[in-house]
Amino acid sequence: MDTDPVMLRALVLLVLVLLLSSMPARAEGDRQAGKTDAEILAMDREAWVDYYASHVSGSHASWTASYYIYAEVLRRRNDHLPPRNHSAEFESLLNDFGERAVSINDNLDGGGNIWANVYGRANCDAEQTVFGLLAGKTEPAHLHTVSQVRHQIRALEQRVDRERTRPRTTFFNITTATTDLHFLRADWAKIQQLVSTLGRKDARLVLDFCVDYLTASV
């Protein structure tokens, strides 16, 4: 079933609140399906997702919640490390940039509840990127550049512009897309400025994240 990106984001938040608040009296380990932060961090992310879903309900909502729990664990790890490389600014910017980029691609793709997992993965990857900036041990997976990020933003803008001329009988929500593009451009302007202060390896970690979610798919 098609779902408007704004409604989907609201639905994801509601599901998470209901699912996670359904265990208010439980210890943190129980909320995390019996795993401590350290044990979760020792797991591959997708292994954690499978583990959590199998120990909760196996529903789509539990899969989505597992990504957000993993992101929370990553965030707590980051919070215990000394600030470095504008880490606080990047945490806020990358989380918002990732959500906006996913929302635009979700909108253009025609939506669907499966995109909820992509929003969750973006949160995880934003925190993982920040960890790379903090710890200085993560190697960039690709060699993306500032010009490649600009190219992908222009590509999204062009796709949105093409949708503007089409009859409004499709799922596409032009108001949501316009708003997302506005904030995504603003985020990118700040990210680009901060990236210019980083070393090459750290800069590419950030640029990898940006390109990955500008081209997000399910």
N, C-alpha and C. Protein backbone atom coordinates (compact mmCIF):
# COMPACT_ATOMS: atom_id res chain seq x y z
N MET A 1 0.84 -1.19 0.00
CA MET A 1 0.00 0.00 0.00
C MET A 1 0.88 1.24 0.00
N ASP A 2 0.57 2.23 -0.83
CA ASP A 2 1.33 3.46 -0.89
C ASP A 2 1.07 4.29 0.36
N THR A 3 2.14 4.96 0.84
CA THR A 3 2.04 5.77 2.04
C THR A 3 2.79 7.07 1.83
N ASP A 4 2.16 8.21 2.10
CA ASP A 4 2.81 9.49 1.98
C ASP A 4 4.03 9.53 2.91
N PRO A 5 5.18 10.09 2.45
CA PRO A 5 6.38 10.12 3.29
C PRO A 5 6.17 10.79 4.63
N VAL A 6 5.41 11.88 4.67
CA VAL A 6 5.15 12.55 5.94
C VAL A 6 4.36 11.65 6.87
N MET A 7 3.34 10.99 6.31
CA MET A 7 2.54 10.07 7.11
C MET A 7 3.39 8.89 7.55
N LEU A 8 4.29 8.43 6.66
CA LEU A 8 5.12 7.29 7.01
C LEU A 8 6.05 7.63 8.16
N ARG A 9 6.67 8.82 8.12
CA ARG A 9 7.56 9.22 9.21
C ARG A 9 6.79 9.30 10.52
N ALA A 10 5.58 9.85 10.46
CA ALA A 10 4.76 9.93 11.67
C ALA A 10 4.37 8.54 12.15
N LEU A 11 4.07 7.64 11.20
CA LEU A 11 3.68 6.28 11.55
C LEU A 11 4.85 5.54 12.18
N VAL A 12 6.04 5.72 11.62
CA VAL A 12 7.23 5.08 12.19
C VAL A 12 7.43 5.52 13.62
N LEU A 13 7.32 6.83 13.87
CA LEU A 13 7.49 7.36 15.22
C LEU A 13 6.45 6.80 16.17
N LEU A 14 5.20 6.74 15.71
CA LEU A 14 4.13 6.22 16.56
C LEU A 14 4.36 4.76 16.89
N VAL A 15 4.74 3.98 15.89
CA VAL A 15 4.99 2.55 16.11
C VAL A 15 6.12 2.36 17.11
N LEU A 16 7.18 3.15 16.97
CA LEU A 16 8.32 3.02 17.87
C LEU A 16 7.92 3.38 19.30
N VAL A 17 7.17 4.46 19.44
CA VAL A 17 6.73 4.87 20.78
C VAL A 17 5.89 3.77 21.42
N LEU A 18 4.95 3.23 20.65
CA LEU A 18 4.07 2.20 21.19
C LEU A 18 4.84 0.92 21.50
N LEU A 19 5.74 0.53 20.58
CA LEU A 19 6.46 -0.72 20.77
C LEU A 19 7.44 -0.62 21.93
N LEU A 20 8.18 0.48 21.98
CA LEU A 20 9.21 0.61 23.00
C LEU A 20 8.63 0.97 24.37
N SER A 21 7.50 1.66 24.38
CA SER A 21 6.89 2.01 25.66
C SER A 21 6.01 0.90 26.21
N SER A 22 5.86 -0.16 25.44
CA SER A 22 5.05 -1.28 25.92
C SER A 22 5.79 -2.10 26.97
N MET A 23 7.08 -1.74 27.18
CA MET A 23 7.89 -2.47 28.16
C MET A 23 8.48 -1.51 29.18
N PRO A 24 7.70 -0.62 29.79
CA PRO A 24 8.26 0.42 30.65
C PRO A 24 8.92 -0.11 31.91
N ALA A 25 8.48 -1.25 32.39
CA ALA A 25 9.02 -1.74 33.66
C ALA A 25 10.22 -2.66 33.45
N ARG A 26 10.55 -2.93 32.22
CA ARG A 26 11.64 -3.86 31.96
C ARG A 26 12.99 -3.17 32.06
N ALA A 27 14.01 -3.97 32.36
CA ALA A 27 15.38 -3.46 32.36
C ALA A 27 15.80 -3.17 30.93
N GLU A 28 16.86 -2.37 30.80
CA GLU A 28 17.34 -2.01 29.47
C GLU A 28 17.67 -3.25 28.64
N GLY A 29 18.26 -4.26 29.29
CA GLY A 29 18.61 -5.48 28.57
C GLY A 29 17.40 -6.18 28.00
N ASP A 30 16.25 -6.15 28.74
CA ASP A 30 15.03 -6.76 28.24
C ASP A 30 14.45 -5.96 27.09
N ARG A 31 14.51 -4.64 27.20
CA ARG A 31 14.05 -3.78 26.12
C ARG A 31 14.85 -4.06 24.86
N GLN A 32 16.09 -4.46 25.06
CA GLN A 32 16.99 -4.77 23.94
C GLN A 32 17.09 -6.28 23.73
N ALA A 33 15.98 -6.97 24.01
CA ALA A 33 15.89 -8.41 23.79
C ALA A 33 17.00 -9.18 24.50
N GLY A 34 17.31 -8.75 25.74
CA GLY A 34 18.28 -9.46 26.55
C GLY A 34 19.72 -9.13 26.26
N LYS A 35 19.98 -8.19 25.37
CA LYS A 35 21.35 -7.85 24.99
C LYS A 35 21.77 -6.51 25.60
N THR A 36 23.02 -6.44 26.05
CA THR A 36 23.58 -5.18 26.51
C THR A 36 24.06 -4.38 25.30
N ASP A 37 24.39 -3.11 25.54
CA ASP A 37 24.94 -2.30 24.45
C ASP A 37 26.18 -2.95 23.85
N ALA A 38 27.06 -3.44 24.72
CA ALA A 38 28.31 -4.05 24.24
C ALA A 38 28.03 -5.27 23.37
N GLU A 39 27.05 -6.07 23.79
CA GLU A 39 26.73 -7.27 23.01
C GLU A 39 26.11 -6.90 21.66
N ILE A 40 25.30 -5.86 21.65
CA ILE A 40 24.70 -5.42 20.39
C ILE A 40 25.77 -4.88 19.46
N LEU A 41 26.69 -4.09 20.01
CA LEU A 41 27.76 -3.53 19.19
C LEU A 41 28.67 -4.60 18.61
N ALA A 42 28.75 -5.73 19.31
CA ALA A 42 29.59 -6.83 18.82
C ALA A 42 28.94 -7.58 17.66
N MET A 43 27.65 -7.33 17.46
CA MET A 43 26.92 -8.01 16.39
C MET A 43 26.94 -7.18 15.12
N ASP A 44 26.92 -7.85 13.99
CA ASP A 44 26.64 -7.18 12.73
C ASP A 44 25.24 -6.59 12.81
N ARG A 45 25.04 -5.43 12.21
CA ARG A 45 23.74 -4.76 12.33
C ARG A 45 22.59 -5.65 11.86
N GLU A 46 22.75 -6.27 10.71
CA GLU A 46 21.66 -7.10 10.19
C GLU A 46 21.45 -8.34 11.05
N ALA A 47 22.51 -8.82 11.69
CA ALA A 47 22.36 -9.95 12.61
C ALA A 47 21.54 -9.52 13.82
N TRP A 48 21.79 -8.28 14.29
CA TRP A 48 21.00 -7.75 15.40
C TRP A 48 19.54 -7.61 15.00
N VAL A 49 19.29 -7.11 13.80
CA VAL A 49 17.91 -6.92 13.34
C VAL A 49 17.18 -8.26 13.33
N ASP A 50 17.82 -9.29 12.79
CA ASP A 50 17.21 -10.62 12.76
C ASP A 50 16.97 -11.14 14.18
N TYR A 51 17.96 -10.96 15.04
CA TYR A 51 17.85 -11.43 16.43
C TYR A 51 16.68 -10.74 17.13
N TYR A 52 16.62 -9.42 17.01
CA TYR A 52 15.59 -8.66 17.70
C TYR A 52 14.20 -9.06 17.21
N ALA A 53 14.04 -9.11 15.90
CA ALA A 53 12.72 -9.44 15.34
C ALA A 53 12.27 -10.82 15.80
N SER A 54 13.21 -11.77 15.85
CA SER A 54 12.84 -13.14 16.24
C SER A 54 12.50 -13.24 17.73
N HIS A 55 13.04 -12.31 18.54
CA HIS A 55 12.79 -12.36 19.97
C HIS A 55 11.63 -11.46 20.41
N VAL A 56 11.12 -10.64 19.50
CA VAL A 56 10.00 -9.76 19.87
C VAL A 56 8.71 -10.28 19.24
N SER A 57 8.55 -10.05 17.95
CA SER A 57 7.31 -10.52 17.33
C SER A 57 7.50 -10.96 15.89
N GLY A 58 8.61 -10.55 15.29
CA GLY A 58 8.82 -10.88 13.89
C GLY A 58 8.01 -10.02 12.94
N SER A 59 7.32 -9.01 13.48
CA SER A 59 6.49 -8.14 12.65
C SER A 59 7.36 -7.10 11.96
N HIS A 60 6.77 -6.44 10.96
CA HIS A 60 7.50 -5.37 10.27
C HIS A 60 7.85 -4.26 11.26
N ALA A 61 6.96 -3.97 12.20
CA ALA A 61 7.22 -2.93 13.19
C ALA A 61 8.44 -3.27 14.05
N SER A 62 8.61 -4.55 14.39
CA SER A 62 9.77 -4.93 15.20
C SER A 62 11.06 -4.80 14.41
N TRP A 63 11.00 -5.08 13.11
CA TRP A 63 12.18 -4.89 12.26
C TRP A 63 12.57 -3.42 12.25
N THR A 64 11.59 -2.55 12.05
CA THR A 64 11.86 -1.12 12.02
C THR A 64 12.42 -0.66 13.37
N ALA A 65 11.79 -1.09 14.47
CA ALA A 65 12.24 -0.69 15.80
C ALA A 65 13.69 -1.13 16.04
N SER A 66 14.06 -2.28 15.52
CA SER A 66 15.42 -2.79 15.76
C SER A 66 16.48 -1.85 15.21
N TYR A 67 16.20 -1.23 14.07
CA TYR A 67 17.18 -0.28 13.51
C TYR A 67 17.33 0.94 14.41
N TYR A 68 16.21 1.42 14.94
CA TYR A 68 16.27 2.60 15.80
C TYR A 68 16.94 2.28 17.13
N ILE A 69 16.72 1.10 17.65
CA ILE A 69 17.42 0.69 18.88
C ILE A 69 18.92 0.61 18.62
N TYR A 70 19.29 0.06 17.47
CA TYR A 70 20.71 -0.04 17.12
C TYR A 70 21.32 1.36 17.01
N ALA A 71 20.59 2.29 16.40
CA ALA A 71 21.08 3.66 16.29
C ALA A 71 21.26 4.30 17.67
N GLU A 72 20.32 4.00 18.60
CA GLU A 72 20.44 4.52 19.96
C GLU A 72 21.71 4.00 20.64
N VAL A 73 21.99 2.72 20.44
CA VAL A 73 23.19 2.11 21.02
C VAL A 73 24.44 2.77 20.44
N LEU A 74 24.45 2.96 19.13
CA LEU A 74 25.59 3.63 18.49
C LEU A 74 25.75 5.05 19.04
N ARG A 75 24.62 5.75 19.25
CA ARG A 75 24.69 7.12 19.75
C ARG A 75 25.26 7.16 21.16
N ARG A 76 24.87 6.21 22.00
CA ARG A 76 25.41 6.19 23.36
C ARG A 76 26.91 5.92 23.33
N ARG A 77 27.35 5.04 22.44
CA ARG A 77 28.79 4.81 22.31
C ARG A 77 29.50 6.10 21.91
N ASN A 78 28.93 6.81 20.93
CA ASN A 78 29.55 8.06 20.48
C ASN A 78 29.61 9.09 21.59
N ASP A 79 28.56 9.12 22.42
CA ASP A 79 28.49 10.13 23.48
C ASP A 79 29.57 9.95 24.53
N HIS A 80 30.16 8.75 24.61
CA HIS A 80 31.21 8.48 25.59
C HIS A 80 32.60 8.80 25.05
N LEU A 81 32.68 9.24 23.81
CA LEU A 81 33.98 9.57 23.22
C LEU A 81 34.18 11.08 23.21
N PRO A 82 35.44 11.52 23.34
CA PRO A 82 35.70 12.96 23.31
C PRO A 82 35.31 13.56 21.96
N PRO A 83 34.69 14.73 21.93
CA PRO A 83 34.30 15.36 20.67
C PRO A 83 35.51 15.54 19.76
N ARG A 84 35.27 15.37 18.46
CA ARG A 84 36.35 15.48 17.48
C ARG A 84 35.72 15.72 16.11
N ASN A 85 36.40 16.48 15.28
CA ASN A 85 35.96 16.66 13.89
C ASN A 85 34.52 17.17 13.77
N HIS A 86 34.15 18.11 14.62
CA HIS A 86 32.79 18.68 14.57
C HIS A 86 31.72 17.58 14.71
N SER A 87 32.00 16.60 15.55
CA SER A 87 31.13 15.42 15.65
C SER A 87 29.70 15.77 16.04
N ALA A 88 29.51 16.71 16.96
CA ALA A 88 28.15 17.06 17.39
C ALA A 88 27.36 17.67 16.24
N GLU A 89 28.01 18.57 15.48
CA GLU A 89 27.32 19.18 14.34
C GLU A 89 26.99 18.15 13.28
N PHE A 90 27.95 17.25 13.02
CA PHE A 90 27.73 16.23 12.00
C PHE A 90 26.62 15.26 12.42
N GLU A 91 26.52 14.95 13.70
CA GLU A 91 25.46 14.03 14.13
C GLU A 91 24.08 14.59 13.79
N SER A 92 23.87 15.85 14.11
CA SER A 92 22.59 16.48 13.82
C SER A 92 22.36 16.61 12.32
N LEU A 93 23.37 17.08 11.60
CA LEU A 93 23.22 17.33 10.16
C LEU A 93 23.02 16.04 9.37
N LEU A 94 23.81 15.02 9.68
CA LEU A 94 23.70 13.78 8.91
C LEU A 94 22.39 13.06 9.17
N ASN A 95 21.92 13.09 10.40
CA ASN A 95 20.62 12.46 10.68
C ASN A 95 19.51 13.16 9.90
N ASP A 96 19.54 14.49 9.87
CA ASP A 96 18.50 15.21 9.15
C ASP A 96 18.67 15.05 7.64
N PHE A 97 19.90 15.15 7.15
CA PHE A 97 20.16 15.01 5.72
C PHE A 97 19.71 13.62 5.24
N GLY A 98 20.05 12.60 6.02
CA GLY A 98 19.66 11.24 5.64
C GLY A 98 18.16 11.08 5.59
N GLU A 99 17.46 11.62 6.58
CA GLU A 99 16.00 11.51 6.60
C GLU A 99 15.37 12.24 5.42
N ARG A 100 15.88 13.43 5.10
CA ARG A 100 15.34 14.19 3.97
C ARG A 100 15.60 13.46 2.65
N ALA A 101 16.81 12.93 2.50
CA ALA A 101 17.15 12.23 1.25
C ALA A 101 16.29 10.98 1.07
N VAL A 102 16.10 10.24 2.15
CA VAL A 102 15.26 9.05 2.08
C VAL A 102 13.82 9.44 1.76
N SER A 103 13.34 10.50 2.39
CA SER A 103 11.96 10.94 2.15
C SER A 103 11.73 11.30 0.69
N ILE A 104 12.69 11.98 0.07
CA ILE A 104 12.55 12.35 -1.34
C ILE A 104 12.52 11.11 -2.21
N ASN A 105 13.43 10.18 -1.96
CA ASN A 105 13.45 8.95 -2.75
C ASN A 105 12.22 8.10 -2.51
N ASP A 106 11.76 8.04 -1.28
CA ASP A 106 10.52 7.35 -0.93
C ASP A 106 9.35 7.96 -1.72
N ASN A 107 9.29 9.27 -1.73
CA ASN A 107 8.23 10.01 -2.42
C ASN A 107 8.26 9.71 -3.92
N LEU A 108 9.45 9.77 -4.51
CA LEU A 108 9.59 9.55 -5.95
C LEU A 108 9.32 8.09 -6.32
N ASP A 109 9.64 7.18 -5.41
CA ASP A 109 9.51 5.75 -5.69
C ASP A 109 8.06 5.28 -5.63
N GLY A 110 7.22 6.01 -4.94
CA GLY A 110 5.83 5.59 -4.81
C GLY A 110 5.49 5.12 -3.42
N GLY A 111 6.47 5.18 -2.52
CA GLY A 111 6.21 4.89 -1.11
C GLY A 111 6.03 3.42 -0.80
N GLY A 112 5.51 3.17 0.37
CA GLY A 112 5.34 1.81 0.86
C GLY A 112 5.98 1.68 2.22
N ASN A 113 5.43 0.83 3.06
CA ASN A 113 5.92 0.70 4.44
C ASN A 113 7.34 0.18 4.53
N ILE A 114 7.84 -0.48 3.49
CA ILE A 114 9.20 -1.01 3.52
C ILE A 114 10.22 0.11 3.68
N TRP A 115 9.84 1.34 3.26
CA TRP A 115 10.75 2.47 3.40
C TRP A 115 11.04 2.81 4.86
N ALA A 116 10.17 2.38 5.78
CA ALA A 116 10.43 2.64 7.20
C ALA A 116 11.77 2.08 7.63
N ASN A 117 12.15 0.93 7.07
CA ASN A 117 13.44 0.34 7.41
C ASN A 117 14.60 1.18 6.87
N VAL A 118 14.39 1.83 5.72
CA VAL A 118 15.46 2.65 5.15
C VAL A 118 15.70 3.88 6.02
N TYR A 119 14.63 4.47 6.55
CA TYR A 119 14.79 5.57 7.49
C TYR A 119 15.62 5.11 8.70
N GLY A 120 15.30 3.92 9.20
CA GLY A 120 16.04 3.39 10.35
C GLY A 120 17.50 3.14 10.04
N ARG A 121 17.78 2.59 8.85
CA ARG A 121 19.17 2.35 8.46
C ARG A 121 19.94 3.66 8.32
N ALA A 122 19.25 4.70 7.83
CA ALA A 122 19.91 6.00 7.70
C ALA A 122 20.35 6.52 9.07
N ASN A 123 19.50 6.34 10.08
CA ASN A 123 19.87 6.74 11.44
C ASN A 123 21.10 5.98 11.91
N CYS A 124 21.11 4.68 11.67
CA CYS A 124 22.26 3.85 12.06
C CYS A 124 23.53 4.32 11.36
N ASP A 125 23.43 4.55 10.06
CA ASP A 125 24.62 4.91 9.28
C ASP A 125 25.12 6.31 9.62
N ALA A 126 24.19 7.20 9.99
CA ALA A 126 24.62 8.53 10.44
C ALA A 126 25.47 8.41 11.71
N GLU A 127 25.01 7.59 12.66
CA GLU A 127 25.75 7.41 13.90
C GLU A 127 27.07 6.67 13.65
N GLN A 128 27.07 5.72 12.73
CA GLN A 128 28.30 5.00 12.41
C GLN A 128 29.32 5.93 11.76
N THR A 129 28.83 6.85 10.93
CA THR A 129 29.72 7.82 10.31
C THR A 129 30.33 8.74 11.36
N VAL A 130 29.51 9.17 12.31
CA VAL A 130 30.02 10.02 13.40
C VAL A 130 31.07 9.26 14.20
N PHE A 131 30.84 7.97 14.44
CA PHE A 131 31.84 7.17 15.16
C PHE A 131 33.16 7.15 14.39
N GLY A 132 33.08 7.05 13.07
CA GLY A 132 34.30 7.10 12.27
C GLY A 132 35.05 8.40 12.46
N LEU A 133 34.30 9.50 12.56
CA LEU A 133 34.94 10.80 12.77
C LEU A 133 35.54 10.91 14.17
N LEU A 134 34.88 10.27 15.14
CA LEU A 134 35.35 10.33 16.53
C LEU A 134 36.56 9.43 16.77
N ALA A 135 36.49 8.21 16.27
CA ALA A 135 37.53 7.22 16.58
C ALA A 135 38.68 7.24 15.58
N GLY A 136 38.40 7.71 14.37
CA GLY A 136 39.46 7.80 13.37
C GLY A 136 39.97 6.47 12.87
N LYS A 137 39.17 5.40 13.01
CA LYS A 137 39.63 4.06 12.62
C LYS A 137 38.88 3.49 11.42
N THR A 138 37.82 4.16 10.99
CA THR A 138 36.98 3.63 9.92
C THR A 138 37.48 4.09 8.56
N GLU A 139 37.66 3.15 7.66
CA GLU A 139 38.07 3.49 6.30
C GLU A 139 36.83 3.72 5.44
N PRO A 140 36.85 4.76 4.61
CA PRO A 140 35.70 4.99 3.72
C PRO A 140 35.53 3.85 2.74
N ALA A 141 34.28 3.48 2.49
CA ALA A 141 34.00 2.35 1.59
C ALA A 141 34.21 2.74 0.14
N HIS A 142 34.02 4.03 -0.17
CA HIS A 142 34.14 4.50 -1.54
C HIS A 142 35.03 5.74 -1.56
N LEU A 143 35.14 6.34 -2.70
CA LEU A 143 35.97 7.54 -2.83
C LEU A 143 35.12 8.68 -3.40
N HIS A 144 33.97 8.90 -2.79
CA HIS A 144 33.08 9.93 -3.29
C HIS A 144 33.65 11.32 -3.02
N THR A 145 33.24 12.26 -3.86
CA THR A 145 33.74 13.63 -3.79
C THR A 145 32.58 14.60 -3.58
N VAL A 146 32.93 15.83 -3.28
CA VAL A 146 31.93 16.88 -3.13
C VAL A 146 31.13 17.04 -4.42
N SER A 147 31.82 16.98 -5.56
CA SER A 147 31.12 17.15 -6.84
C SER A 147 30.12 16.02 -7.09
N GLN A 148 30.41 14.82 -6.60
CA GLN A 148 29.46 13.72 -6.76
C GLN A 148 28.21 13.93 -5.91
N VAL A 149 28.39 14.47 -4.72
CA VAL A 149 27.22 14.78 -3.89
C VAL A 149 26.38 15.85 -4.59
N ARG A 150 27.02 16.89 -5.09
CA ARG A 150 26.29 17.94 -5.81
C ARG A 150 25.53 17.35 -7.00
N HIS A 151 26.19 16.44 -7.71
CA HIS A 151 25.56 15.81 -8.88
C HIS A 151 24.31 15.04 -8.47
N GLN A 152 24.38 14.31 -7.37
CA GLN A 152 23.23 13.52 -6.93
C GLN A 152 22.11 14.42 -6.42
N ILE A 153 22.45 15.54 -5.80
CA ILE A 153 21.40 16.49 -5.39
C ILE A 153 20.71 17.06 -6.62
N ARG A 154 21.49 17.43 -7.63
CA ARG A 154 20.90 17.94 -8.87
C ARG A 154 20.01 16.89 -9.52
N ALA A 155 20.44 15.63 -9.47
CA ALA A 155 19.64 14.55 -10.07
C ALA A 155 18.30 14.43 -9.37
N LEU A 156 18.29 14.54 -8.04
CA LEU A 156 17.02 14.50 -7.30
C LEU A 156 16.15 15.70 -7.65
N GLU A 157 16.78 16.87 -7.73
CA GLU A 157 16.03 18.08 -8.09
C GLU A 157 15.37 17.94 -9.45
N GLN A 158 16.10 17.37 -10.41
CA GLN A 158 15.57 17.18 -11.76
C GLN A 158 14.41 16.19 -11.76
N ARG A 159 14.54 15.13 -10.98
CA ARG A 159 13.44 14.16 -10.89
C ARG A 159 12.20 14.79 -10.27
N VAL A 160 12.40 15.60 -9.25
CA VAL A 160 11.27 16.29 -8.64
C VAL A 160 10.64 17.26 -9.63
N ASP A 161 11.47 18.00 -10.37
CA ASP A 161 10.96 18.95 -11.35
C ASP A 161 10.12 18.25 -12.42
N ARG A 162 10.55 17.07 -12.83
CA ARG A 162 9.78 16.32 -13.84
C ARG A 162 8.41 15.93 -13.30
N GLU A 163 8.37 15.61 -12.01
CA GLU A 163 7.10 15.23 -11.40
C GLU A 163 6.13 16.40 -11.31
N ARG A 164 6.66 17.61 -11.25
CA ARG A 164 5.80 18.79 -11.14
C ARG A 164 4.86 18.93 -12.34
N THR A 165 5.30 18.43 -13.49
CA THR A 165 4.51 18.60 -14.73
C THR A 165 3.53 17.47 -14.96
N ARG A 166 3.58 16.45 -14.12
CA ARG A 166 2.71 15.30 -14.32
C ARG A 166 1.36 15.51 -13.64
N PRO A 167 0.31 14.86 -14.15
CA PRO A 167 -1.01 14.96 -13.49
C PRO A 167 -0.92 14.49 -12.05
N ARG A 168 -1.66 15.12 -11.18
CA ARG A 168 -1.61 14.78 -9.76
C ARG A 168 -2.48 13.57 -9.45
N THR A 169 -2.34 12.54 -10.26
CA THR A 169 -3.07 11.30 -10.01
C THR A 169 -2.14 10.25 -9.43
N THR A 170 -0.86 10.63 -9.25
CA THR A 170 0.12 9.68 -8.73
C THR A 170 0.29 9.87 -7.23
N PHE A 171 1.06 8.98 -6.63
CA PHE A 171 1.35 9.04 -5.20
C PHE A 171 2.16 10.28 -4.84
N PHE A 172 2.99 10.76 -5.76
CA PHE A 172 3.97 11.81 -5.49
C PHE A 172 3.33 13.04 -4.82
N ASN A 173 3.97 13.51 -3.72
CA ASN A 173 3.50 14.68 -2.98
C ASN A 173 4.49 15.82 -3.21
N ILE A 174 4.12 16.78 -4.06
CA ILE A 174 5.03 17.84 -4.44
C ILE A 174 5.36 18.76 -3.27
N THR A 175 4.41 18.99 -2.37
CA THR A 175 4.65 19.85 -1.22
C THR A 175 5.72 19.25 -0.31
N THR A 176 5.60 17.95 -0.04
CA THR A 176 6.59 17.27 0.79
C THR A 176 7.96 17.29 0.14
N ALA A 177 8.00 17.01 -1.17
CA ALA A 177 9.28 16.98 -1.88
C ALA A 177 9.95 18.35 -1.87
N THR A 178 9.18 19.40 -2.08
CA THR A 178 9.73 20.75 -2.09
C THR A 178 10.31 21.12 -0.73
N THR A 179 9.58 20.77 0.32
CA THR A 179 10.06 21.04 1.68
C THR A 179 11.33 20.26 1.97
N ASP A 180 11.33 18.98 1.63
CA ASP A 180 12.51 18.14 1.87
C ASP A 180 13.73 18.66 1.11
N LEU A 181 13.53 19.05 -0.14
CA LEU A 181 14.66 19.58 -0.93
C LEU A 181 15.21 20.86 -0.31
N HIS A 182 14.34 21.71 0.18
CA HIS A 182 14.78 22.96 0.81
C HIS A 182 15.69 22.67 2.00
N PHE A 183 15.26 21.78 2.88
CA PHE A 183 16.06 21.48 4.07
C PHE A 183 17.29 20.65 3.73
N LEU A 184 17.18 19.78 2.74
CA LEU A 184 18.34 18.99 2.33
C LEU A 184 19.44 19.91 1.79
N ARG A 185 19.07 20.89 0.97
CA ARG A 185 20.07 21.83 0.44
C ARG A 185 20.72 22.61 1.59
N ALA A 186 19.90 23.04 2.56
CA ALA A 186 20.44 23.79 3.70
C ALA A 186 21.40 22.92 4.51
N ASP A 187 21.03 21.66 4.73
CA ASP A 187 21.92 20.73 5.43
C ASP A 187 23.22 20.57 4.66
N TRP A 188 23.11 20.38 3.35
CA TRP A 188 24.30 20.15 2.54
C TRP A 188 25.24 21.35 2.57
N ALA A 189 24.70 22.56 2.56
CA ALA A 189 25.54 23.76 2.62
C ALA A 189 26.40 23.75 3.89
N LYS A 190 25.79 23.35 5.00
CA LYS A 190 26.53 23.29 6.27
C LYS A 190 27.51 22.12 6.28
N ILE A 191 27.07 20.97 5.75
CA ILE A 191 27.94 19.79 5.70
C ILE A 191 29.17 20.09 4.84
N GLN A 192 28.94 20.70 3.69
CA GLN A 192 30.05 20.99 2.78
C GLN A 192 31.07 21.91 3.45
N GLN A 193 30.57 22.89 4.20
CA GLN A 193 31.47 23.81 4.89
C GLN A 193 32.31 23.07 5.93
N LEU A 194 31.69 22.16 6.69
CA LEU A 194 32.41 21.40 7.71
C LEU A 194 33.36 20.38 7.08
N VAL A 195 32.94 19.77 5.98
CA VAL A 195 33.78 18.77 5.30
C VAL A 195 35.10 19.40 4.87
N SER A 196 35.06 20.67 4.50
CA SER A 196 36.28 21.34 4.02
C SER A 196 37.34 21.45 5.12
N THR A 197 36.95 21.23 6.38
CA THR A 197 37.91 21.31 7.49
C THR A 197 38.48 19.94 7.85
N LEU A 198 37.98 18.88 7.23
CA LEU A 198 38.39 17.52 7.58
C LEU A 198 39.55 17.03 6.71
N GLY A 199 40.25 16.04 7.22
CA GLY A 199 41.22 15.34 6.40
C GLY A 199 40.50 14.52 5.33
N ARG A 200 41.24 14.03 4.34
CA ARG A 200 40.61 13.36 3.20
C ARG A 200 39.82 12.14 3.62
N LYS A 201 40.38 11.29 4.48
CA LYS A 201 39.68 10.06 4.89
C LYS A 201 38.38 10.38 5.61
N ASP A 202 38.44 11.30 6.57
CA ASP A 202 37.23 11.66 7.31
C ASP A 202 36.19 12.31 6.41
N ALA A 203 36.65 13.15 5.50
CA ALA A 203 35.72 13.80 4.57
C ALA A 203 34.99 12.76 3.73
N ARG A 204 35.71 11.74 3.30
CA ARG A 204 35.08 10.73 2.44
C ARG A 204 34.08 9.88 3.20
N LEU A 205 34.27 9.71 4.50
CA LEU A 205 33.25 9.02 5.29
C LEU A 205 31.92 9.77 5.21
N VAL A 206 31.98 11.08 5.36
CA VAL A 206 30.79 11.91 5.31
C VAL A 206 30.18 11.91 3.90
N LEU A 207 31.03 12.05 2.90
CA LEU A 207 30.55 12.10 1.51
C LEU A 207 29.94 10.76 1.09
N ASP A 208 30.53 9.66 1.57
CA ASP A 208 29.95 8.33 1.30
C ASP A 208 28.52 8.26 1.82
N PHE A 209 28.33 8.72 3.05
CA PHE A 209 26.99 8.69 3.64
C PHE A 209 26.02 9.51 2.79
N CYS A 210 26.43 10.70 2.40
CA CYS A 210 25.55 11.57 1.62
C CYS A 210 25.14 10.93 0.31
N VAL A 211 26.09 10.38 -0.41
CA VAL A 211 25.77 9.76 -1.71
C VAL A 211 24.90 8.53 -1.51
N ASP A 212 25.22 7.73 -0.49
CA ASP A 212 24.43 6.50 -0.24
C ASP A 212 22.96 6.82 -0.06
N TYR A 213 22.63 7.88 0.65
CA TYR A 213 21.22 8.16 0.93
C TYR A 213 20.57 9.08 -0.09
N LEU A 214 21.36 9.82 -0.85
CA LEU A 214 20.78 10.54 -1.99
C LEU A 214 20.33 9.55 -3.06
N THR A 215 20.92 8.37 -3.07
CA THR A 215 20.56 7.33 -4.05
C THR A 215 19.87 6.16 -3.37
N ALA A 216 19.24 6.40 -2.22
CA ALA A 216 18.62 5.32 -1.45
C ALA A 216 17.51 4.62 -2.25
N SER A 217 17.40 3.33 -2.01
CA SER A 217 16.33 2.54 -2.65
C SER A 217 15.96 1.40 -1.70
N VAL A 218 14.88 0.71 -2.05
CA VAL A 218 14.46 -0.43 -1.23
C VAL A 218 14.73 -1.72 -2.00
